[in-house]
Amino acid sequence: MTPAVNKRVLLFLAGTMWILVGIYLLRLAWGWLFSPRVDSALTLAAAGVFAALMIHHFGFLRIVDRNLGRILPMEGKRCVFSFMSWKSYFLVIAMVAMGAALRHSTIPKPWLSVVYIAIGLSLCLSSVRYLRVLLSQFNTLE
């Protein structure tokens, strides 16, 4: 028994998943930078934003485009989990494991917030492409 959905749902799921994970990572970073006031918070946040723009442009947009290239030609209903390739699920597992390892490491949380801002913000920025494609092609999809 496979839960099957159309392309609109796959696009919505992909965009929503990316943005929700991004918001979660940004929330963690915010807490690390601004709960106990960190003197260099703005500098660290700026470094994270700069890294996010690079990751978004040179990394995540390519992944989004690959996923869109796979989703958009699909016809009929597909498995709800097909908004990502199977190879991507292994990458997600590795990234979650790395994130957990980093959170429990001895790296100071304000420094770690740079990485979390970079990944979180780049996920949010890249998710916009999924949602933009969904909106622009809403009438043409099955």
Protein backbone atom coordinates (compact mmCIF):
# COMPACT_ATOMS: atom_id res chain seq x y z
CA MET A 1 0.00 0.00 0.00
CA THR A 2 1.68 3.20 -1.22
CA PRO A 3 0.39 6.64 -0.22
CA ALA A 4 0.11 8.30 -3.64
CA VAL A 5 -0.19 12.02 -4.34
CA ASN A 6 0.08 14.31 -7.36
CA LYS A 7 2.89 16.71 -8.30
CA ARG A 8 1.34 19.67 -6.51
CA VAL A 9 1.51 17.84 -3.20
CA LEU A 10 5.11 16.74 -3.84
CA LEU A 11 6.15 20.33 -4.60
CA PHE A 12 4.32 21.60 -1.53
CA LEU A 13 5.89 18.93 0.69
CA ALA A 14 9.39 19.61 -0.59
CA GLY A 15 9.12 23.37 -0.12
CA THR A 16 7.44 23.08 3.24
CA MET A 17 9.93 20.53 4.55
CA TRP A 18 12.91 22.66 3.54
CA ILE A 19 11.48 25.82 5.08
CA LEU A 20 10.43 24.13 8.34
CA VAL A 21 13.85 22.56 8.86
CA GLY A 22 15.46 25.91 8.03
CA ILE A 23 13.30 27.71 10.60
CA TYR A 24 14.15 25.08 13.23
CA LEU A 25 17.89 25.56 12.64
CA LEU A 26 17.55 29.34 12.69
CA ARG A 27 15.59 29.17 15.95
CA LEU A 28 18.38 27.15 17.57
CA ALA A 29 21.02 29.59 16.31
CA TRP A 30 19.02 32.58 17.55
CA GLY A 31 18.82 31.07 21.04
CA TRP A 32 22.55 30.44 21.11
CA LEU A 33 23.35 34.00 20.03
CA PHE A 34 20.78 36.05 21.91
CA SER A 35 19.60 34.14 25.02
CA PRO A 36 22.67 34.94 27.05
CA ARG A 37 23.86 38.05 25.22
CA VAL A 38 26.95 37.26 23.15
CA ASP A 39 29.23 40.23 22.47
CA SER A 40 30.02 39.15 18.91
CA ALA A 41 26.46 38.07 18.05
CA LEU A 42 26.02 40.42 15.11
CA THR A 43 29.40 39.50 13.61
CA LEU A 44 28.65 35.78 13.96
CA ALA A 45 25.16 36.26 12.51
CA ALA A 46 26.59 38.22 9.57
CA ALA A 47 29.10 35.43 8.90
CA GLY A 48 26.23 32.93 8.93
CA VAL A 49 24.16 35.02 6.51
CA PHE A 50 27.10 35.38 4.12
CA ALA A 51 27.74 31.62 4.22
CA ALA A 52 24.01 31.00 3.72
CA LEU A 53 23.99 33.03 0.51
CA MET A 54 26.93 31.02 -0.82
CA ILE A 55 25.42 27.66 0.18
CA HIS A 56 22.05 28.65 -1.27
CA HIS A 57 23.43 29.81 -4.59
CA PHE A 58 26.20 27.28 -5.20
CA GLY A 59 24.78 24.23 -3.42
CA PHE A 60 21.13 23.95 -2.50
CA LEU A 61 19.69 25.50 -5.67
CA ARG A 62 21.34 22.71 -7.66
CA ILE A 63 19.68 20.13 -5.42
CA VAL A 64 16.31 21.89 -5.77
CA ASP A 65 16.68 22.02 -9.55
CA ARG A 66 17.53 18.31 -9.66
CA ASN A 67 14.47 17.51 -7.54
CA LEU A 68 12.27 19.74 -9.71
CA GLY A 69 13.67 18.08 -12.82
CA ARG A 70 12.55 14.75 -11.40
CA ILE A 71 9.16 15.85 -10.02
CA LEU A 72 7.82 18.03 -12.85
CA PRO A 73 7.83 15.35 -15.60
CA MET A 74 5.96 12.89 -13.33
CA GLU A 75 2.52 11.90 -14.48
CA GLY A 76 -0.29 10.56 -12.37
CA LYS A 77 0.07 9.92 -8.68
CA ARG A 78 3.39 9.03 -7.08
CA CYS A 79 4.54 7.95 -3.65
CA VAL A 80 4.35 10.80 -1.15
CA PHE A 81 8.03 10.26 -0.26
CA SER A 82 9.21 10.80 -3.84
CA PHE A 83 9.64 14.55 -3.35
CA MET A 84 13.29 13.58 -2.70
CA SER A 85 15.39 10.92 -4.37
CA TRP A 86 16.40 7.89 -2.30
CA LYS A 87 20.00 9.08 -2.38
CA SER A 88 18.88 12.36 -0.79
CA TYR A 89 17.33 10.52 2.15
CA PHE A 90 20.76 9.14 3.01
CA LEU A 91 22.20 12.66 2.81
CA VAL A 92 19.48 13.93 5.15
CA ILE A 93 20.26 11.17 7.66
CA ALA A 94 23.95 12.07 7.52
CA MET A 95 23.19 15.78 8.00
CA VAL A 96 20.90 15.11 10.97
CA ALA A 97 23.57 12.92 12.56
CA MET A 98 26.23 15.60 11.98
CA GLY A 99 23.95 18.26 13.45
CA ALA A 100 23.32 16.17 16.55
CA ALA A 101 27.05 15.48 16.92
CA LEU A 102 27.83 19.19 16.59
CA ARG A 103 25.15 20.17 19.13
CA HIS A 104 26.64 17.76 21.65
CA SER A 105 30.25 18.68 20.89
CA THR A 106 32.45 21.04 22.88
CA ILE A 107 32.26 23.72 20.17
CA PRO A 108 30.91 26.91 21.77
CA LYS A 109 27.27 27.40 20.78
CA PRO A 110 27.76 30.97 19.51
CA TRP A 111 30.35 29.68 17.02
CA LEU A 112 28.12 26.78 16.11
CA SER A 113 25.32 29.25 15.40
CA VAL A 114 27.23 30.39 12.29
CA VAL A 115 26.85 26.91 10.78
CA TYR A 116 23.20 26.66 11.83
CA ILE A 117 22.39 30.09 10.39
CA ALA A 118 24.19 29.19 7.16
CA ILE A 119 22.33 25.91 6.66
CA GLY A 120 18.99 27.12 8.05
CA LEU A 121 18.81 30.30 6.03
CA SER A 122 20.00 28.60 2.85
CA LEU A 123 17.27 25.97 3.26
CA CYS A 124 14.65 28.70 3.69
CA LEU A 125 15.90 30.65 0.68
CA SER A 126 16.07 27.55 -1.50
CA SER A 127 12.58 26.41 -0.48
CA VAL A 128 11.18 29.50 -2.19
CA ARG A 129 12.00 27.97 -5.58
CA TYR A 130 9.80 24.93 -4.85
CA LEU A 131 6.92 27.13 -3.77
CA ARG A 132 7.39 29.55 -6.69
CA VAL A 133 7.28 26.66 -9.17
CA LEU A 134 4.19 25.30 -7.42
CA LEU A 135 2.42 28.65 -7.71
CA SER A 136 3.50 29.34 -11.29
CA GLN A 137 2.46 25.94 -12.57
CA PHE A 138 -0.56 25.36 -10.34
CA ASN A 139 -3.03 25.52 -13.22
CA THR A 140 -0.94 23.37 -15.55
CA LEU A 141 -0.33 20.46 -13.17
CA GLU A 142 -2.54 17.40 -13.06
